[in-house]
Protein backbone atom coordinates (compact mmCIF):
# COMPACT_ATOMS: atom_id res chain seq x y z
CA MET A 1 -12.61 -44.78 -1.56
CA THR A 2 -15.39 -42.69 0.78
CA THR A 3 -15.38 -41.50 3.89
CA GLU A 4 -17.77 -42.06 6.65
CA ASN A 5 -19.29 -38.98 5.97
CA GLY A 6 -19.87 -39.47 2.54
CA ARG A 7 -17.00 -37.41 1.09
CA ALA A 8 -14.77 -38.64 -1.43
CA ASN A 9 -10.52 -38.81 -0.01
CA ASP A 10 -9.82 -36.62 -2.95
CA GLN A 11 -12.40 -33.91 -2.52
CA ILE A 12 -11.96 -30.02 -1.44
CA SER A 13 -11.52 -29.96 1.59
CA ILE A 14 -14.38 -28.53 4.02
CA SER A 15 -12.40 -25.33 4.93
CA ASP A 16 -11.92 -24.41 0.95
CA LEU A 17 -15.45 -25.25 0.38
CA ALA A 18 -16.28 -22.62 3.22
CA ARG A 19 -14.02 -20.07 1.66
CA ARG A 20 -15.76 -20.92 -2.13
CA CYS A 21 -18.41 -19.58 -0.48
CA PHE A 22 -17.22 -16.09 0.50
CA SER A 23 -15.55 -16.51 -2.57
CA ALA A 24 -18.65 -16.44 -4.61
CA TYR A 25 -20.02 -12.91 -3.41
CA GLU A 26 -16.52 -11.69 -3.68
CA LEU A 27 -16.76 -12.45 -7.16
CA LYS A 28 -20.37 -11.71 -7.43
CA ASP A 29 -20.60 -15.35 -9.29
CA ARG A 30 -24.28 -17.07 -8.37
CA GLN A 31 -23.06 -20.13 -10.23
CA MET A 32 -20.74 -20.89 -8.14
CA ILE A 33 -22.25 -20.37 -4.64
CA GLU A 34 -25.41 -22.23 -6.06
CA ASP A 35 -23.64 -25.17 -7.24
CA LEU A 36 -22.38 -25.30 -3.99
CA LEU A 37 -25.96 -24.96 -1.68
CA SER A 38 -27.84 -28.50 -1.31
CA ASP A 39 -31.38 -28.78 -2.72
CA ASP A 40 -32.58 -28.52 0.91
CA PHE A 41 -30.42 -25.97 2.15
CA THR A 42 -31.20 -23.28 5.09
CA PHE A 43 -30.17 -20.09 6.77
CA THR A 44 -30.30 -18.47 9.63
CA SER A 45 -29.40 -15.16 11.26
CA PRO A 46 -30.81 -12.74 13.59
CA LEU A 47 -32.90 -11.43 10.89
CA ASP A 48 -34.01 -15.02 9.21
CA ASP A 49 -35.42 -18.03 10.79
CA ARG A 50 -34.36 -21.01 8.56
CA ILE A 51 -34.68 -19.31 5.40
CA ASP A 52 -35.25 -22.37 2.68
CA ARG A 53 -32.70 -21.87 -0.71
CA GLN A 54 -35.30 -19.93 -2.50
CA ALA A 55 -35.82 -17.36 0.21
CA TYR A 56 -31.84 -16.92 0.36
CA PHE A 57 -31.02 -16.32 -2.99
CA LYS A 58 -34.45 -13.48 -2.64
CA ARG A 59 -32.94 -11.87 0.38
CA CYS A 60 -29.35 -12.75 0.88
CA TRP A 61 -27.34 -12.73 -2.28
CA PRO A 62 -28.76 -9.10 -3.47
CA ASN A 63 -26.65 -8.30 -1.00
CA SER A 64 -23.09 -9.74 -3.11
CA GLU A 65 -23.22 -6.13 -4.64
CA ILE A 66 -22.60 -3.89 -1.80
CA ILE A 67 -19.79 -6.20 -0.94
CA ARG A 68 -16.35 -5.61 -1.23
CA THR A 69 -13.94 -8.41 -0.14
CA PHE A 70 -14.10 -10.44 3.16
CA GLN A 71 -11.19 -10.87 4.76
CA ILE A 72 -11.56 -14.29 7.09
CA GLU A 73 -9.41 -14.32 10.15
CA LYS A 74 -10.20 -17.71 11.87
CA LEU A 75 -11.63 -20.48 10.42
CA PHE A 76 -11.94 -24.25 12.55
CA GLU A 77 -12.82 -27.17 10.65
CA SER A 78 -14.21 -30.46 12.78
CA GLY A 79 -16.18 -33.24 10.34
CA ASP A 80 -18.22 -31.62 8.05
CA GLU A 81 -18.57 -28.15 10.21
CA ALA A 82 -16.78 -25.09 9.63
CA PHE A 83 -16.94 -22.28 11.95
CA VAL A 84 -15.99 -18.90 10.44
CA ARG A 85 -14.82 -15.53 11.95
CA TYR A 86 -14.37 -13.05 9.50
CA GLU A 87 -14.44 -8.71 8.09
CA CYS A 88 -16.01 -8.16 6.03
CA GLU A 89 -15.93 -4.32 3.91
CA THR A 90 -18.69 -2.79 1.81
CA LYS A 91 -18.19 -1.02 -1.54
CA ALA A 92 -18.84 1.79 0.47
CA GLY A 93 -16.05 1.37 3.03
CA LYS A 94 -17.98 0.20 6.12
CA LYS A 95 -16.28 -2.74 7.61
CA PHE A 96 -17.74 -5.41 10.62
CA ARG A 97 -16.99 -9.05 11.74
CA ASN A 98 -19.27 -11.32 12.30
CA THR A 99 -18.96 -16.02 12.87
CA GLU A 100 -20.89 -18.26 10.76
CA TRP A 101 -21.25 -21.79 11.27
CA PHE A 102 -21.67 -23.75 8.30
CA ARG A 103 -22.59 -27.15 7.93
CA PHE A 104 -21.71 -29.99 5.09
CA GLU A 105 -22.81 -32.98 3.56
CA GLY A 106 -20.47 -34.00 0.82
CA ASP A 107 -19.25 -31.22 -1.15
CA LYS A 108 -23.07 -29.96 -0.63
CA LEU A 109 -23.72 -26.69 1.69
CA LYS A 110 -26.72 -27.88 4.16
CA GLU A 111 -27.05 -25.18 6.38
CA VAL A 112 -25.28 -22.03 7.81
CA GLN A 113 -26.23 -19.75 11.30
CA VAL A 114 -24.86 -15.75 10.80
CA TYR A 115 -23.85 -14.56 14.39
CA PHE A 116 -23.64 -10.66 13.87
CA GLY A 117 -20.47 -9.01 15.33
CA GLU A 118 -19.22 -5.49 15.78
CA GLU A 119 -18.86 -2.68 13.46
CA THR A 120 -15.54 -2.58 13.19
CA GLN A 121 -15.01 0.86 10.96
CA SER A 122 -18.00 3.14 9.63
CA ALA A 123 -17.95 5.07 6.12
CA ASN A 124 -16.58 7.93 7.18
CA GLN A 125 -14.13 6.50 10.19
CA GLU A 126 -10.17 8.01 9.37
CA GLU A 127 -8.24 4.58 7.51
CA THR A 128 -5.33 3.13 9.55
CA GLY A 129 -2.35 2.13 7.37
CA GLU A 130 -3.24 -1.34 8.58
CA THR A 131 -6.61 -1.06 6.98
CA VAL A 132 -5.62 0.65 3.74
CA ILE A 133 -3.05 -2.03 3.77
CA SER A 134 -5.42 -4.53 3.98
CA ALA A 135 -7.48 -2.98 1.52
CA ILE A 136 -4.57 -3.30 -1.00
CA ILE A 137 -3.73 -6.83 -0.60
CA ASN A 138 -7.42 -7.63 -0.65
CA GLU A 139 -7.43 -5.81 -4.75
CA ARG A 140 -3.99 -7.48 -5.46
CA VAL A 141 -6.26 -10.77 -4.58
CA GLN A 142 -8.55 -10.04 -7.25
CA ALA A 143 -6.40 -8.52 -9.47
CA VAL A 144 -4.68 -11.58 -10.31
CA ARG A 145 -7.61 -13.34 -10.46
CA ASP A 146 -8.99 -11.25 -13.12
CA LYS A 147 -5.72 -11.17 -15.31
CA ASN A 148 -5.44 -7.61 -14.52
CA VAL A 149 -1.52 -6.33 -14.65
CA ASN A 150 -2.71 -3.12 -14.71
CA ALA A 151 -4.60 -2.67 -11.26
CA LEU A 152 -1.44 -5.70 -10.16
CA LEU A 153 0.96 -2.99 -10.55
CA SER A 154 -1.36 0.74 -9.54
CA ASN A 155 0.05 0.74 -6.05
CA HIS A 156 4.20 -0.30 -6.98
CA ALA A 157 7.33 2.51 -6.75
CA PRO A 158 8.33 3.43 -10.30
CA ASN A 159 11.83 1.94 -8.96
CA ILE A 160 10.51 -1.34 -6.69
CA LEU A 161 12.65 -3.66 -6.18
CA SER A 162 11.67 -7.54 -6.36
CA PHE A 163 12.50 -10.99 -5.42
CA ASP A 164 10.51 -13.29 -7.07
CA VAL A 165 9.89 -17.11 -6.69
CA ILE A 166 12.13 -17.72 -10.08
CA ASN A 167 15.13 -16.16 -12.01
CA PRO A 168 16.96 -14.24 -11.67
CA LEU A 169 17.75 -13.04 -8.18
CA HIS A 170 16.03 -9.67 -8.42
CA ARG A 171 14.21 -7.36 -10.55
CA ILE A 172 13.98 -3.53 -10.21
CA GLY A 173 11.90 -0.67 -11.54
CA VAL A 174 7.77 -1.96 -12.27
CA ASP A 175 8.64 -2.06 -15.82
CA MET A 176 10.86 -5.28 -15.42
CA ILE A 177 7.77 -6.70 -12.90
CA ARG A 178 5.43 -6.07 -15.13
CA GLU A 179 6.68 -7.86 -18.23
CA ARG A 180 7.52 -10.77 -16.10
CA VAL A 181 3.56 -10.20 -14.49
CA GLU A 182 2.21 -10.30 -18.29
CA ARG A 183 3.70 -13.31 -19.15
CA TRP A 184 3.16 -14.72 -15.63
CA LEU A 185 -1.01 -14.53 -16.20
CA SER A 186 -0.96 -15.24 -19.40
CA SER A 187 0.30 -18.76 -18.87
CA PHE A 188 -3.24 -19.47 -17.72
CA GLN A 189 -5.51 -20.72 -20.13
CA SER A 190 -7.95 -20.85 -17.33
CA SER A 191 -9.02 -18.09 -14.80
CA ILE A 192 -6.56 -18.15 -11.98
CA GLY A 193 -7.36 -19.27 -8.20
CA TYR A 194 -5.46 -17.22 -5.87
CA GLU A 195 -5.84 -16.31 -2.13
CA VAL A 196 -4.14 -15.68 1.12
CA ARG A 197 -4.31 -16.98 4.36
CA ASP A 198 -2.73 -15.50 7.58
CA LEU A 199 -2.00 -11.88 6.69
CA SER A 200 -0.29 -9.68 9.11
CA ILE A 201 0.18 -6.13 9.01
CA LYS A 202 2.42 -3.89 10.97
CA SER A 203 2.77 0.14 9.70
CA SER A 204 3.86 3.36 11.73
CA ASP A 205 3.27 6.52 10.07
CA GLU A 206 5.19 5.94 7.14
CA LEU A 207 6.48 2.53 6.58
CA ALA A 208 4.75 -0.90 6.70
CA PHE A 209 4.98 -3.96 5.94
CA CYS A 210 2.50 -7.25 6.18
CA HIS A 211 3.58 -10.80 5.18
CA TYR A 212 1.02 -13.90 4.27
CA LEU A 213 0.72 -16.93 2.71
CA TYR A 214 -1.31 -17.38 -0.75
CA ARG A 215 -1.84 -20.20 -3.13
CA VAL A 216 -2.44 -19.71 -6.89
CA SER A 217 -3.81 -23.04 -8.40
CA GLY A 218 -5.36 -22.87 -11.87
CA THR A 219 -4.65 -25.24 -15.67
CA LEU A 220 -2.02 -23.84 -17.62
CA ILE A 221 -1.75 -23.09 -21.78
CA GLU A 222 0.90 -25.38 -22.31
CA GLY A 223 -1.25 -28.28 -19.84
CA GLY A 224 -1.18 -29.68 -16.57
CA ASN A 225 -2.11 -27.66 -13.25
CA VAL A 226 -1.01 -25.47 -10.95
CA GLU A 227 -1.92 -25.16 -7.11
CA MET A 228 0.87 -24.33 -5.08
CA TRP A 229 1.35 -22.07 -1.74
CA VAL A 230 3.85 -19.73 -1.48
CA ARG A 231 5.47 -17.35 1.17
CA ALA A 232 5.04 -13.25 0.76
CA THR A 233 6.44 -10.29 2.06
CA ILE A 234 5.53 -6.72 0.91
CA CYS A 235 7.29 -3.08 2.17
CA PHE A 236 5.30 0.10 1.88
CA GLU A 237 6.44 3.35 1.59
CA LYS A 238 4.41 6.44 2.26
CA ILE A 239 4.88 8.58 -0.38
CA ASP A 240 3.05 11.85 -1.43
CA ASP A 241 0.49 10.67 1.36
CA LYS A 242 -0.14 7.26 -0.53
CA TRP A 243 0.75 4.26 0.43
CA THR A 244 3.61 2.73 -1.74
CA ILE A 245 5.21 -0.79 -2.68
CA ILE A 246 9.02 -0.36 -2.76
CA HIS A 247 10.13 -4.23 -2.36
CA GLU A 248 7.96 -7.57 -2.29
CA HIS A 249 9.75 -11.05 -1.32
CA GLN A 250 7.88 -14.01 -2.70
CA SER A 251 9.41 -17.45 -1.97
CA VAL A 252 9.10 -21.62 -1.21
CA PRO A 253 10.95 -23.10 0.83
CA PHE A 254 13.29 -26.30 -0.94
CA ASP A 255 14.22 -30.03 0.01
CA PRO A 256 18.42 -29.69 1.64
CA GLU A 257 18.64 -33.37 0.31
CA THR A 258 17.18 -32.84 -3.14
CA GLY A 259 17.40 -29.17 -3.83
CA LYS A 260 14.10 -29.04 -5.81
CA ALA A 261 11.48 -26.55 -4.50
CA SER A 262 8.75 -27.91 -1.91
CA LEU A 263 5.95 -26.80 -3.49
CA ASN A 264 3.37 -29.77 -2.38
CA LEU A 265 3.82 -28.10 1.66
CA LYS A 266 -0.04 -26.86 2.52
CA PRO A 267 -0.37 -24.83 5.93
């Protein structure tokens, strides 16, 4: 069954299609973005006047090599269109904010218009606690996607306290967490989809915390697919001048009538 705009009811949402475009740049995955663009795709920015698909890959795609990550701040979807405001960080440490308008036809991206915003941090600006922690969260996202245990645990304190979504009630120490993470990452036969939404960070001179929602998706070795949203809270302490994770808490709600976890909730 299809909707009026030609998209099947079970197709991925417009918001998720837009997020895939940003993921392609973060992952340097040209095939991902090629699969998203329609044959008659056009791209417009203050520097580009409705350039076609071929010109886009020649002029714009090479910029993926200098981009470290995107932090999506606002995403609005209406029909086959989406507006996205984001902050982009380059590998050199420069940060800037833009807004983009997307128009889709079915599951193909037909048109993008980019509106340039302000520079939010130059490469030589002093980093605040919020900017450092935001970078740490983005590194965690990439570490999960890469199934890189060492990168994922690189900012954990040796005596970290973890409240996980599965038994036991708590884990103490990075060694216990490493064992759990290794089992979890190796349980996926496919690559792991991982995205963060609604990241909020508060910091003082020595302590900080953040909370966010994240989605995990992929195919398990034992069979079956996983796609679920999880809540996360992470506490940091500045130890030897480095922001270090001393506590993390991950959870999902449960239905009190059935006693089962609510794994199908979406933000």
